[in-house]
Amino acid sequence: GLTVSLVVAVCAVMVSVVLGTIIGLVSGTAGGRTDWWLSRVTDFVLSFPQTLMLIALSTIVIDALQATLNTDRTVPSMIFMILVMGFFGWPYFARILRGQVLSLKEREFIEAANSLGASRTRIYFTELLPHLWAPILVYSTLIMPQNIATEAALGFLGVGIQPPTPSFGSILNDSVHYATSDPAYFMFPGVTLFLVVLSFNLLGDGLRDALDPKADRQ
């Protein structure tokens, strides 16, 4: 179950990182009307409840993907959760990176690059992006447990990965029927889910402290 849950969570984070980085870079660098419109799109996406949209769209989208791919429901379910969690996760990355870009573009090395006639592509990928890896890495490790917990919750509600493919949610959903006769069936997946989520949270906190130049190193 851990394998499927981690694959879904990692792929969803990658989708969020790519979309959030592109939009955050463009919004923070362009400014003006472009920044205003991208900020409103970000607010619009943030206004949608992710879990409710996953539940509401699951049957329609998964059935369509299953008919298109001509396979069982496991792969369409994984693709659906990756796309939806990734789509609703990018605004957080975009807002964080937009704030970083607004601070960085006033620095001397950006002004020097602009004065030398550097292209927009060079500004994005050579001057700005190397300075954004730390917040991207830290926030990725912090949003990972949220995606794992979301996948487990959807599987528990019966709209995520379906049996016989194991995932945290489907195992916990099945174990409820044996809570009296076999308590360990429920306890061990629950404890494992708790430890995995806790581990990623601690990893994110550790990376944030390690990559913060103002942190106390003693």
N, C-alpha and C. Protein backbone atom coordinates (compact mmCIF):
# COMPACT_ATOMS: atom_id res chain seq x y z
N GLY A 1 0.80 -1.21 0.00
CA GLY A 1 0.00 0.00 0.00
C GLY A 1 0.84 1.26 0.00
N LEU A 2 1.98 1.21 0.63
CA LEU A 2 2.86 2.38 0.69
C LEU A 2 3.37 2.76 -0.69
N THR A 3 3.63 1.77 -1.54
CA THR A 3 4.16 2.04 -2.88
C THR A 3 3.19 2.87 -3.70
N VAL A 4 1.94 2.44 -3.75
CA VAL A 4 0.94 3.16 -4.55
C VAL A 4 0.72 4.56 -4.00
N SER A 5 0.61 4.68 -2.68
CA SER A 5 0.36 6.00 -2.08
C SER A 5 1.52 6.96 -2.36
N LEU A 6 2.76 6.47 -2.27
CA LEU A 6 3.92 7.33 -2.53
C LEU A 6 4.01 7.72 -4.00
N VAL A 7 3.70 6.80 -4.91
CA VAL A 7 3.73 7.13 -6.34
C VAL A 7 2.74 8.24 -6.65
N VAL A 8 1.53 8.12 -6.13
CA VAL A 8 0.50 9.14 -6.36
C VAL A 8 0.95 10.47 -5.76
N ALA A 9 1.45 10.46 -4.53
CA ALA A 9 1.84 11.70 -3.85
C ALA A 9 3.02 12.37 -4.55
N VAL A 10 4.04 11.59 -4.92
CA VAL A 10 5.23 12.17 -5.57
C VAL A 10 4.87 12.77 -6.92
N CYS A 11 4.10 12.04 -7.72
CA CYS A 11 3.73 12.54 -9.05
C CYS A 11 2.86 13.79 -8.93
N ALA A 12 1.95 13.82 -7.95
CA ALA A 12 1.12 15.01 -7.76
C ALA A 12 1.97 16.21 -7.37
N VAL A 13 2.97 15.99 -6.51
CA VAL A 13 3.86 17.09 -6.12
C VAL A 13 4.66 17.59 -7.33
N MET A 14 5.09 16.68 -8.19
CA MET A 14 5.84 17.09 -9.38
C MET A 14 4.98 17.96 -10.30
N VAL A 15 3.71 17.58 -10.48
CA VAL A 15 2.80 18.40 -11.29
C VAL A 15 2.64 19.78 -10.67
N SER A 16 2.45 19.83 -9.35
CA SER A 16 2.30 21.11 -8.65
C SER A 16 3.55 21.97 -8.77
N VAL A 17 4.72 21.34 -8.65
CA VAL A 17 5.98 22.08 -8.72
C VAL A 17 6.17 22.71 -10.10
N VAL A 18 5.91 21.93 -11.15
CA VAL A 18 6.11 22.44 -12.51
C VAL A 18 5.16 23.61 -12.79
N LEU A 19 3.86 23.42 -12.52
CA LEU A 19 2.90 24.49 -12.79
C LEU A 19 3.17 25.70 -11.89
N GLY A 20 3.39 25.47 -10.60
CA GLY A 20 3.60 26.58 -9.67
C GLY A 20 4.86 27.35 -9.97
N THR A 21 5.93 26.66 -10.37
CA THR A 21 7.18 27.35 -10.67
C THR A 21 7.04 28.23 -11.90
N ILE A 22 6.41 27.71 -12.94
CA ILE A 22 6.24 28.49 -14.17
C ILE A 22 5.39 29.73 -13.91
N ILE A 23 4.25 29.54 -13.25
CA ILE A 23 3.35 30.67 -13.02
C ILE A 23 3.95 31.65 -12.02
N GLY A 24 4.62 31.15 -10.98
CA GLY A 24 5.25 32.04 -10.02
C GLY A 24 6.36 32.87 -10.64
N LEU A 25 7.18 32.25 -11.49
CA LEU A 25 8.25 32.98 -12.17
C LEU A 25 7.69 34.07 -13.08
N VAL A 26 6.72 33.69 -13.91
CA VAL A 26 6.16 34.65 -14.86
C VAL A 26 5.45 35.78 -14.13
N SER A 27 4.66 35.45 -13.11
CA SER A 27 3.90 36.46 -12.38
C SER A 27 4.82 37.44 -11.66
N GLY A 28 5.83 36.91 -10.96
CA GLY A 28 6.72 37.79 -10.22
C GLY A 28 7.62 38.63 -11.10
N THR A 29 8.01 38.10 -12.25
CA THR A 29 8.93 38.83 -13.12
C THR A 29 8.20 39.84 -14.00
N ALA A 30 7.07 39.45 -14.56
CA ALA A 30 6.38 40.32 -15.51
C ALA A 30 5.76 41.52 -14.82
N GLY A 31 5.08 41.29 -13.68
CA GLY A 31 4.42 42.39 -12.98
C GLY A 31 3.27 42.95 -13.79
N GLY A 32 2.72 44.07 -13.34
CA GLY A 32 1.67 44.76 -14.06
C GLY A 32 0.41 43.92 -14.26
N ARG A 33 -0.17 44.03 -15.46
CA ARG A 33 -1.43 43.35 -15.76
C ARG A 33 -1.26 41.82 -15.75
N THR A 34 -0.11 41.33 -16.24
CA THR A 34 0.12 39.88 -16.23
C THR A 34 0.12 39.34 -14.81
N ASP A 35 0.80 40.02 -13.92
CA ASP A 35 0.83 39.60 -12.52
C ASP A 35 -0.57 39.64 -11.92
N TRP A 36 -1.37 40.66 -12.25
CA TRP A 36 -2.72 40.78 -11.69
C TRP A 36 -3.60 39.62 -12.15
N TRP A 37 -3.56 39.29 -13.43
CA TRP A 37 -4.40 38.21 -13.95
C TRP A 37 -3.98 36.85 -13.40
N LEU A 38 -2.69 36.59 -13.33
CA LEU A 38 -2.22 35.31 -12.79
C LEU A 38 -2.56 35.20 -11.31
N SER A 39 -2.49 36.29 -10.59
CA SER A 39 -2.87 36.27 -9.17
C SER A 39 -4.35 35.98 -9.00
N ARG A 40 -5.20 36.51 -9.89
CA ARG A 40 -6.62 36.23 -9.81
C ARG A 40 -6.92 34.77 -10.17
N VAL A 41 -6.21 34.22 -11.13
CA VAL A 41 -6.37 32.80 -11.46
C VAL A 41 -5.97 31.94 -10.26
N THR A 42 -4.90 32.32 -9.60
CA THR A 42 -4.47 31.59 -8.40
C THR A 42 -5.54 31.63 -7.31
N ASP A 43 -6.11 32.81 -7.08
CA ASP A 43 -7.19 32.94 -6.09
C ASP A 43 -8.39 32.10 -6.48
N PHE A 44 -8.70 32.05 -7.78
CA PHE A 44 -9.85 31.29 -8.26
C PHE A 44 -9.66 29.80 -8.00
N VAL A 45 -8.46 29.28 -8.28
CA VAL A 45 -8.20 27.86 -8.06
C VAL A 45 -8.21 27.54 -6.57
N LEU A 46 -7.68 28.44 -5.75
CA LEU A 46 -7.66 28.22 -4.30
C LEU A 46 -9.06 28.19 -3.70
N SER A 47 -10.04 28.79 -4.38
CA SER A 47 -11.39 28.84 -3.83
C SER A 47 -12.12 27.51 -3.96
N PHE A 48 -11.61 26.58 -4.78
CA PHE A 48 -12.26 25.29 -4.95
C PHE A 48 -11.79 24.33 -3.86
N PRO A 49 -12.71 23.63 -3.21
CA PRO A 49 -12.32 22.60 -2.23
C PRO A 49 -11.80 21.35 -2.93
N GLN A 50 -10.53 21.02 -2.69
CA GLN A 50 -9.89 19.93 -3.40
C GLN A 50 -10.57 18.59 -3.16
N THR A 51 -10.82 18.25 -1.90
CA THR A 51 -11.40 16.94 -1.59
C THR A 51 -12.78 16.79 -2.19
N LEU A 52 -13.60 17.83 -2.12
CA LEU A 52 -14.94 17.77 -2.69
C LEU A 52 -14.89 17.57 -4.19
N MET A 53 -13.96 18.26 -4.87
CA MET A 53 -13.84 18.11 -6.32
C MET A 53 -13.38 16.70 -6.68
N LEU A 54 -12.46 16.14 -5.87
CA LEU A 54 -12.02 14.77 -6.12
C LEU A 54 -13.18 13.79 -6.02
N ILE A 55 -14.02 13.94 -5.01
CA ILE A 55 -15.15 13.03 -4.83
C ILE A 55 -16.18 13.24 -5.94
N ALA A 56 -16.47 14.50 -6.28
CA ALA A 56 -17.52 14.79 -7.25
C ALA A 56 -17.15 14.34 -8.66
N LEU A 57 -15.88 14.48 -9.04
CA LEU A 57 -15.47 14.19 -10.41
C LEU A 57 -14.93 12.78 -10.60
N SER A 58 -14.74 12.03 -9.51
CA SER A 58 -14.02 10.76 -9.59
C SER A 58 -14.69 9.78 -10.55
N THR A 59 -15.97 9.54 -10.39
CA THR A 59 -16.64 8.52 -11.21
C THR A 59 -16.62 8.88 -12.69
N ILE A 60 -16.94 10.13 -13.01
CA ILE A 60 -17.02 10.54 -14.42
C ILE A 60 -15.66 10.45 -15.10
N VAL A 61 -14.64 11.04 -14.46
CA VAL A 61 -13.32 11.11 -15.08
C VAL A 61 -12.67 9.73 -15.13
N ILE A 62 -12.78 8.96 -14.05
CA ILE A 62 -12.16 7.63 -14.04
C ILE A 62 -12.79 6.72 -15.08
N ASP A 63 -14.11 6.77 -15.23
CA ASP A 63 -14.76 5.97 -16.26
C ASP A 63 -14.31 6.38 -17.65
N ALA A 64 -14.15 7.69 -17.88
CA ALA A 64 -13.68 8.15 -19.19
C ALA A 64 -12.25 7.70 -19.46
N LEU A 65 -11.38 7.81 -18.44
CA LEU A 65 -10.00 7.36 -18.61
C LEU A 65 -9.92 5.85 -18.81
N GLN A 66 -10.77 5.10 -18.09
CA GLN A 66 -10.77 3.65 -18.23
C GLN A 66 -11.19 3.24 -19.64
N ALA A 67 -12.19 3.92 -20.19
CA ALA A 67 -12.63 3.61 -21.55
C ALA A 67 -11.57 3.99 -22.58
N THR A 68 -10.86 5.09 -22.32
CA THR A 68 -9.83 5.53 -23.26
C THR A 68 -8.60 4.62 -23.22
N LEU A 69 -8.16 4.25 -22.02
CA LEU A 69 -6.95 3.45 -21.87
C LEU A 69 -7.22 1.95 -22.01
N ASN A 70 -8.49 1.56 -21.92
CA ASN A 70 -8.87 0.15 -22.04
C ASN A 70 -8.12 -0.72 -21.04
N THR A 71 -8.20 -0.36 -19.77
CA THR A 71 -7.51 -1.08 -18.72
C THR A 71 -8.41 -1.14 -17.49
N ASP A 72 -7.91 -1.75 -16.40
CA ASP A 72 -8.70 -1.76 -15.17
C ASP A 72 -8.69 -0.37 -14.53
N ARG A 73 -9.36 -0.24 -13.38
CA ARG A 73 -9.56 1.08 -12.78
C ARG A 73 -8.35 1.58 -12.00
N THR A 74 -7.33 0.75 -11.82
CA THR A 74 -6.20 1.18 -11.00
C THR A 74 -5.44 2.33 -11.63
N VAL A 75 -5.02 2.16 -12.88
CA VAL A 75 -4.25 3.21 -13.55
C VAL A 75 -5.08 4.47 -13.76
N PRO A 76 -6.33 4.40 -14.25
CA PRO A 76 -7.13 5.63 -14.35
C PRO A 76 -7.33 6.32 -13.01
N SER A 77 -7.52 5.54 -11.93
CA SER A 77 -7.69 6.15 -10.60
C SER A 77 -6.44 6.90 -10.18
N MET A 78 -5.26 6.30 -10.42
CA MET A 78 -4.01 6.96 -10.07
C MET A 78 -3.80 8.23 -10.89
N ILE A 79 -4.07 8.14 -12.20
CA ILE A 79 -3.90 9.32 -13.06
C ILE A 79 -4.84 10.43 -12.62
N PHE A 80 -6.08 10.08 -12.30
CA PHE A 80 -7.06 11.08 -11.88
C PHE A 80 -6.61 11.78 -10.61
N MET A 81 -6.19 11.03 -9.60
CA MET A 81 -5.78 11.65 -8.35
C MET A 81 -4.51 12.48 -8.52
N ILE A 82 -3.58 12.01 -9.34
CA ILE A 82 -2.35 12.79 -9.59
C ILE A 82 -2.68 14.13 -10.23
N LEU A 83 -3.53 14.11 -11.26
CA LEU A 83 -3.85 15.34 -11.97
C LEU A 83 -4.62 16.32 -11.09
N VAL A 84 -5.61 15.81 -10.35
CA VAL A 84 -6.44 16.71 -9.55
C VAL A 84 -5.64 17.27 -8.37
N MET A 85 -4.91 16.41 -7.64
CA MET A 85 -4.11 16.91 -6.52
C MET A 85 -3.00 17.83 -7.00
N GLY A 86 -2.40 17.50 -8.15
CA GLY A 86 -1.37 18.37 -8.69
C GLY A 86 -1.91 19.71 -9.14
N PHE A 87 -3.12 19.70 -9.74
CA PHE A 87 -3.72 20.95 -10.23
C PHE A 87 -4.10 21.85 -9.07
N PHE A 88 -4.68 21.28 -8.01
CA PHE A 88 -5.09 22.11 -6.89
C PHE A 88 -3.94 22.42 -5.93
N GLY A 89 -2.76 21.87 -6.18
CA GLY A 89 -1.62 22.14 -5.32
C GLY A 89 -0.70 23.23 -5.84
N TRP A 90 -0.76 23.56 -7.14
CA TRP A 90 0.19 24.51 -7.69
C TRP A 90 0.02 25.93 -7.17
N PRO A 91 -1.19 26.41 -6.80
CA PRO A 91 -1.27 27.81 -6.34
C PRO A 91 -0.40 28.12 -5.12
N TYR A 92 -0.21 27.13 -4.24
CA TYR A 92 0.63 27.37 -3.06
C TYR A 92 2.09 27.60 -3.48
N PHE A 93 2.58 26.76 -4.41
CA PHE A 93 3.94 26.96 -4.92
C PHE A 93 4.03 28.32 -5.63
N ALA A 94 3.02 28.65 -6.44
CA ALA A 94 3.07 29.89 -7.21
C ALA A 94 3.15 31.11 -6.30
N ARG A 95 2.39 31.10 -5.22
CA ARG A 95 2.40 32.25 -4.31
C ARG A 95 3.75 32.39 -3.60
N ILE A 96 4.29 31.26 -3.15
CA ILE A 96 5.58 31.31 -2.46
C ILE A 96 6.68 31.80 -3.41
N LEU A 97 6.72 31.24 -4.62
CA LEU A 97 7.78 31.60 -5.56
C LEU A 97 7.58 33.02 -6.08
N ARG A 98 6.34 33.47 -6.23
CA ARG A 98 6.11 34.85 -6.66
C ARG A 98 6.71 35.82 -5.64
N GLY A 99 6.50 35.55 -4.36
CA GLY A 99 7.09 36.41 -3.34
C GLY A 99 8.60 36.40 -3.37
N GLN A 100 9.19 35.21 -3.60
CA GLN A 100 10.65 35.14 -3.70
C GLN A 100 11.16 35.90 -4.91
N VAL A 101 10.45 35.78 -6.05
CA VAL A 101 10.89 36.45 -7.27
C VAL A 101 10.78 37.96 -7.12
N LEU A 102 9.71 38.44 -6.48
CA LEU A 102 9.56 39.88 -6.27
C LEU A 102 10.72 40.44 -5.45
N SER A 103 11.24 39.64 -4.52
CA SER A 103 12.39 40.07 -3.73
C SER A 103 13.68 39.99 -4.53
N LEU A 104 13.83 38.90 -5.31
CA LEU A 104 15.08 38.69 -6.03
C LEU A 104 15.26 39.65 -7.20
N LYS A 105 14.17 40.03 -7.87
CA LYS A 105 14.33 40.83 -9.09
C LYS A 105 14.80 42.26 -8.80
N GLU A 106 14.80 42.64 -7.52
CA GLU A 106 15.34 43.94 -7.15
C GLU A 106 16.82 43.88 -6.80
N ARG A 107 17.40 42.68 -6.84
CA ARG A 107 18.81 42.52 -6.47
C ARG A 107 19.71 42.99 -7.60
N GLU A 108 20.97 43.22 -7.25
CA GLU A 108 21.91 43.80 -8.20
C GLU A 108 22.20 42.87 -9.38
N PHE A 109 22.27 41.55 -9.13
CA PHE A 109 22.64 40.66 -10.23
C PHE A 109 21.54 40.59 -11.29
N ILE A 110 20.27 40.80 -10.90
CA ILE A 110 19.20 40.83 -11.88
C ILE A 110 19.26 42.13 -12.68
N GLU A 111 19.53 43.24 -12.00
CA GLU A 111 19.68 44.52 -12.70
C GLU A 111 20.86 44.47 -13.66
N ALA A 112 21.94 43.80 -13.23
CA ALA A 112 23.11 43.68 -14.12
C ALA A 112 22.78 42.85 -15.36
N ALA A 113 22.04 41.76 -15.16
CA ALA A 113 21.66 40.92 -16.30
C ALA A 113 20.75 41.68 -17.26
N ASN A 114 19.81 42.46 -16.71
CA ASN A 114 18.94 43.25 -17.58
C ASN A 114 19.72 44.32 -18.33
N SER A 115 20.67 44.95 -17.67
CA SER A 115 21.46 46.00 -18.32
C SER A 115 22.35 45.44 -19.43
N LEU A 116 22.72 44.16 -19.31
CA LEU A 116 23.54 43.52 -20.34
C LEU A 116 22.70 42.95 -21.47
N GLY A 117 21.38 43.12 -21.38
CA GLY A 117 20.50 42.65 -22.45
C GLY A 117 20.17 41.17 -22.39
N ALA A 118 20.19 40.59 -21.21
CA ALA A 118 19.86 39.17 -21.08
C ALA A 118 18.41 38.92 -21.47
N SER A 119 18.17 37.79 -22.12
CA SER A 119 16.82 37.44 -22.54
C SER A 119 15.97 37.05 -21.33
N ARG A 120 14.64 37.02 -21.53
CA ARG A 120 13.74 36.62 -20.46
C ARG A 120 14.00 35.18 -20.03
N THR A 121 14.33 34.32 -21.01
CA THR A 121 14.63 32.92 -20.69
C THR A 121 15.84 32.81 -19.79
N ARG A 122 16.89 33.59 -20.08
CA ARG A 122 18.09 33.56 -19.25
C ARG A 122 17.78 34.08 -17.84
N ILE A 123 16.95 35.10 -17.76
CA ILE A 123 16.58 35.63 -16.44
C ILE A 123 15.86 34.56 -15.62
N TYR A 124 14.95 33.84 -16.30
CA TYR A 124 14.18 32.81 -15.59
C TYR A 124 15.06 31.67 -15.11
N PHE A 125 15.78 31.05 -16.06
CA PHE A 125 16.42 29.76 -15.78
C PHE A 125 17.85 29.88 -15.27
N THR A 126 18.54 30.96 -15.58
CA THR A 126 19.93 31.08 -15.16
C THR A 126 20.08 31.97 -13.93
N GLU A 127 19.31 33.04 -13.86
CA GLU A 127 19.48 34.00 -12.78
C GLU A 127 18.55 33.73 -11.59
N LEU A 128 17.26 33.43 -11.88
CA LEU A 128 16.28 33.30 -10.80
C LEU A 128 16.12 31.87 -10.28
N LEU A 129 15.97 30.92 -11.18
CA LEU A 129 15.63 29.56 -10.76
C LEU A 129 16.63 28.93 -9.80
N PRO A 130 17.95 29.11 -9.97
CA PRO A 130 18.88 28.52 -8.99
C PRO A 130 18.67 29.03 -7.56
N HIS A 131 18.11 30.20 -7.40
CA HIS A 131 17.87 30.75 -6.06
C HIS A 131 16.53 30.29 -5.48
N LEU A 132 15.76 29.55 -6.27
CA LEU A 132 14.43 29.13 -5.81
C LEU A 132 14.37 27.66 -5.44
N TRP A 133 15.49 26.93 -5.60
CA TRP A 133 15.44 25.49 -5.31
C TRP A 133 15.18 25.21 -3.85
N ALA A 134 15.70 26.04 -2.96
CA ALA A 134 15.51 25.80 -1.52
C ALA A 134 14.03 25.86 -1.13
N PRO A 135 13.29 26.94 -1.45
CA PRO A 135 11.86 26.93 -1.10
C PRO A 135 11.07 25.86 -1.83
N ILE A 136 11.43 25.54 -3.07
CA ILE A 136 10.73 24.48 -3.79
C ILE A 136 10.92 23.14 -3.09
N LEU A 137 12.16 22.84 -2.70
CA LEU A 137 12.44 21.56 -2.04
C LEU A 137 11.76 21.47 -0.69
N VAL A 138 11.82 22.55 0.07
CA VAL A 138 11.22 22.53 1.41
C VAL A 138 9.71 22.37 1.32
N TYR A 139 9.07 23.15 0.46
CA TYR A 139 7.62 23.08 0.39
C TYR A 139 7.15 21.76 -0.23
N SER A 140 7.97 21.17 -1.10
CA SER A 140 7.61 19.86 -1.66
C SER A 140 7.53 18.80 -0.56
N THR A 141 8.50 18.81 0.35
CA THR A 141 8.48 17.84 1.44
C THR A 141 7.37 18.13 2.44
N LEU A 142 6.92 19.37 2.50
CA LEU A 142 5.83 19.70 3.42
C LEU A 142 4.46 19.36 2.83
N ILE A 143 4.32 19.44 1.50
CA ILE A 143 3.03 19.14 0.88
C ILE A 143 2.88 17.65 0.59
N MET A 144 4.00 16.91 0.60
CA MET A 144 3.93 15.47 0.35
C MET A 144 3.03 14.74 1.34
N PRO A 145 3.17 14.93 2.66
CA PRO A 145 2.27 14.22 3.58
C PRO A 145 0.81 14.59 3.39
N GLN A 146 0.54 15.81 2.97
CA GLN A 146 -0.85 16.20 2.70
C GLN A 146 -1.42 15.37 1.56
N ASN A 147 -0.63 15.14 0.50
CA ASN A 147 -1.10 14.32 -0.61
C ASN A 147 -1.27 12.87 -0.20
N ILE A 148 -0.36 12.36 0.63
CA ILE A 148 -0.50 10.98 1.09
C ILE A 148 -1.77 10.82 1.92
N ALA A 149 -2.02 11.78 2.81
CA ALA A 149 -3.23 11.72 3.63
C ALA A 149 -4.48 11.86 2.79
N THR A 150 -4.44 12.70 1.75
CA THR A 150 -5.61 12.85 0.87
C THR A 150 -5.90 11.57 0.12
N GLU A 151 -4.85 10.91 -0.39
CA GLU A 151 -5.05 9.63 -1.08
C GLU A 151 -5.63 8.60 -0.14
N ALA A 152 -5.14 8.55 1.09
CA ALA A 152 -5.66 7.59 2.06
C ALA A 152 -7.12 7.87 2.39
N ALA A 153 -7.46 9.16 2.54
CA ALA A 153 -8.84 9.51 2.86
C ALA A 153 -9.78 9.14 1.72
N LEU A 154 -9.36 9.39 0.48
CA LEU A 154 -10.21 9.04 -0.66
C LEU A 154 -10.36 7.53 -0.80
N GLY A 155 -9.27 6.79 -0.57
CA GLY A 155 -9.36 5.34 -0.61
C GLY A 155 -10.28 4.80 0.47
N PHE A 156 -10.23 5.42 1.64
CA PHE A 156 -11.10 5.00 2.74
C PHE A 156 -12.57 5.26 2.41
N LEU A 157 -12.84 6.36 1.68
CA LEU A 157 -14.20 6.68 1.29
C LEU A 157 -14.68 5.88 0.08
N GLY A 158 -13.76 5.13 -0.54
CA GLY A 158 -14.14 4.28 -1.67
C GLY A 158 -14.08 4.95 -3.02
N VAL A 159 -13.46 6.13 -3.13
CA VAL A 159 -13.38 6.82 -4.42
C VAL A 159 -11.94 6.94 -4.90
N GLY A 160 -11.02 6.28 -4.22
CA GLY A 160 -9.61 6.32 -4.62
C GLY A 160 -9.22 5.04 -5.33
N ILE A 161 -8.02 4.53 -5.01
CA ILE A 161 -7.55 3.28 -5.58
C ILE A 161 -8.45 2.14 -5.08
N GLN A 162 -8.95 1.35 -6.02
CA GLN A 162 -9.89 0.30 -5.68
C GLN A 162 -9.18 -1.03 -5.48
N PRO A 163 -9.69 -1.90 -4.56
CA PRO A 163 -9.15 -3.25 -4.41
C PRO A 163 -9.29 -3.99 -5.75
N PRO A 164 -8.42 -4.97 -6.04
CA PRO A 164 -7.43 -5.56 -5.12
C PRO A 164 -6.09 -4.84 -5.06
N THR A 165 -5.93 -3.69 -5.75
CA THR A 165 -4.69 -2.94 -5.65
C THR A 165 -4.58 -2.33 -4.26
N PRO A 166 -3.51 -2.59 -3.53
CA PRO A 166 -3.42 -2.08 -2.15
C PRO A 166 -2.99 -0.63 -2.11
N SER A 167 -3.61 0.13 -1.22
CA SER A 167 -3.18 1.47 -0.88
C SER A 167 -3.58 1.70 0.57
N PHE A 168 -3.06 2.75 1.17
CA PHE A 168 -3.40 3.01 2.56
C PHE A 168 -4.91 3.10 2.77
N GLY A 169 -5.57 3.84 1.89
CA GLY A 169 -7.00 4.05 2.05
C GLY A 169 -7.81 2.78 1.90
N SER A 170 -7.51 1.98 0.86
CA SER A 170 -8.27 0.75 0.64
C SER A 170 -8.02 -0.27 1.75
N ILE A 171 -6.79 -0.33 2.26
CA ILE A 171 -6.49 -1.25 3.37
C ILE A 171 -7.26 -0.84 4.62
N LEU A 172 -7.25 0.46 4.94
CA LEU A 172 -7.98 0.92 6.12
C LEU A 172 -9.49 0.71 5.95
N ASN A 173 -9.98 0.93 4.74
CA ASN A 173 -11.40 0.71 4.48
C ASN A 173 -11.78 -0.75 4.69
N ASP A 174 -10.95 -1.66 4.22
CA ASP A 174 -11.23 -3.09 4.36
C ASP A 174 -11.05 -3.55 5.80
N SER A 175 -10.12 -2.94 6.52
CA SER A 175 -9.83 -3.39 7.88
C SER A 175 -10.93 -3.05 8.87
N VAL A 176 -11.80 -2.08 8.52
CA VAL A 176 -12.88 -1.71 9.44
C VAL A 176 -13.80 -2.90 9.71
N HIS A 177 -13.98 -3.75 8.70
CA HIS A 177 -14.87 -4.90 8.86
C HIS A 177 -14.28 -5.96 9.80
N TYR A 178 -12.97 -5.87 10.07
CA TYR A 178 -12.31 -6.87 10.93
C TYR A 178 -11.76 -6.22 12.19
N ALA A 179 -12.29 -5.04 12.55
CA ALA A 179 -11.75 -4.31 13.69
C ALA A 179 -11.90 -5.09 14.99
N THR A 180 -12.96 -5.88 15.11
CA THR A 180 -13.19 -6.66 16.33
C THR A 180 -12.41 -7.95 16.35
N SER A 181 -12.44 -8.69 15.24
CA SER A 181 -11.79 -10.01 15.20
C SER A 181 -10.28 -9.91 15.00
N ASP A 182 -9.80 -8.85 14.32
CA ASP A 182 -8.36 -8.73 14.05
C ASP A 182 -7.96 -7.26 14.15
N PRO A 183 -7.78 -6.73 15.36
CA PRO A 183 -7.46 -5.30 15.52
C PRO A 183 -6.14 -4.90 14.85
N ALA A 184 -5.20 -5.84 14.73
CA ALA A 184 -3.91 -5.51 14.13
C ALA A 184 -4.05 -5.12 12.66
N TYR A 185 -5.08 -5.67 11.99
CA TYR A 185 -5.31 -5.35 10.58
C TYR A 185 -5.57 -3.86 10.40
N PHE A 186 -6.21 -3.25 11.36
CA PHE A 186 -6.46 -1.80 11.32
C PHE A 186 -5.31 -1.01 11.92
N MET A 187 -4.69 -1.55 12.95
CA MET A 187 -3.69 -0.79 13.70
C MET A 187 -2.42 -0.57 12.89
N PHE A 188 -1.90 -1.61 12.25
CA PHE A 188 -0.60 -1.48 11.58
C PHE A 188 -0.65 -0.53 10.38
N PRO A 189 -1.66 -0.59 9.49
CA PRO A 189 -1.71 0.43 8.43
C PRO A 189 -1.89 1.85 8.97
N GLY A 190 -2.68 1.99 10.04
CA GLY A 190 -2.87 3.32 10.62
C GLY A 190 -1.58 3.86 11.21
N VAL A 191 -0.84 3.02 11.92
CA VAL A 191 0.43 3.45 12.50
C VAL A 191 1.44 3.77 11.40
N THR A 192 1.46 2.95 10.35
CA THR A 192 2.39 3.19 9.25
C THR A 192 2.09 4.51 8.55
N LEU A 193 0.82 4.79 8.31
CA LEU A 193 0.43 6.05 7.71
C LEU A 193 0.85 7.22 8.59
N PHE A 194 0.64 7.09 9.88
CA PHE A 194 1.04 8.14 10.82
C PHE A 194 2.55 8.38 10.76
N LEU A 195 3.34 7.31 10.74
CA LEU A 195 4.79 7.45 10.73
C LEU A 195 5.30 8.06 9.42
N VAL A 196 4.68 7.67 8.30
CA VAL A 196 5.10 8.22 7.01
C VAL A 196 4.82 9.72 6.95
N VAL A 197 3.63 10.12 7.36
CA VAL A 197 3.27 11.54 7.35
C VAL A 197 4.17 12.32 8.31
N LEU A 198 4.41 11.77 9.49
CA LEU A 198 5.29 12.43 10.46
C LEU A 198 6.71 12.55 9.92
N SER A 199 7.19 11.53 9.23
CA SER A 199 8.55 11.55 8.69
C SER A 199 8.73 12.66 7.67
N PHE A 200 7.77 12.81 6.77
CA PHE A 200 7.87 13.87 5.76
C PHE A 200 7.75 15.25 6.40
N ASN A 201 6.91 15.39 7.43
CA ASN A 201 6.83 16.67 8.12
C ASN A 201 8.15 17.03 8.80
N LEU A 202 8.78 16.05 9.45
CA LEU A 202 10.07 16.29 10.09
C LEU A 202 11.15 16.58 9.06
N LEU A 203 11.09 15.88 7.91
CA LEU A 203 12.06 16.13 6.84
C LEU A 203 11.92 17.56 6.33
N GLY A 204 10.67 18.01 6.13
CA GLY A 204 10.46 19.37 5.67
C GLY A 204 10.96 20.40 6.67
N ASP A 205 10.70 20.18 7.95
CA ASP A 205 11.20 21.11 8.97
C ASP A 205 12.72 21.12 9.01
N GLY A 206 13.32 19.94 8.88
CA GLY A 206 14.79 19.87 8.89
C GLY A 206 15.41 20.57 7.70
N LEU A 207 14.83 20.37 6.50
CA LEU A 207 15.35 21.04 5.31
C LEU A 207 15.18 22.55 5.41
N ARG A 208 14.05 22.99 5.97
CA ARG A 208 13.83 24.42 6.11
C ARG A 208 14.88 25.04 7.02
N ASP A 209 15.21 24.37 8.11
CA ASP A 209 16.24 24.89 9.02
C ASP A 209 17.63 24.81 8.39
N ALA A 210 17.90 23.73 7.66
CA ALA A 210 19.22 23.55 7.07
C ALA A 210 19.49 24.54 5.94
N LEU A 211 18.45 24.88 5.18
CA LEU A 211 18.63 25.75 4.02
C LEU A 211 18.39 27.22 4.33
N ASP A 212 18.00 27.53 5.57
CA ASP A 212 17.78 28.92 5.95
C ASP A 212 19.10 29.55 6.35
N PRO A 213 19.58 30.55 5.60
CA PRO A 213 20.90 31.15 5.94
C PRO A 213 20.88 31.89 7.27
N LYS A 214 19.70 32.25 7.77
CA LYS A 214 19.62 32.98 9.03
C LYS A 214 19.42 32.07 10.23
N ALA A 215 19.35 30.73 9.98
CA ALA A 215 19.09 29.81 11.08
C ALA A 215 20.31 29.69 11.97
N ASP A 216 20.06 29.36 13.23
CA ASP A 216 21.14 29.17 14.20
C ASP A 216 21.78 27.82 13.96
N ARG A 217 23.07 27.78 13.65
CA ARG A 217 23.78 26.55 13.32
C ARG A 217 24.39 25.87 14.52
N GLN A 218 24.31 26.46 15.68
CA GLN A 218 24.99 25.90 16.85
C GLN A 218 24.30 24.63 17.32
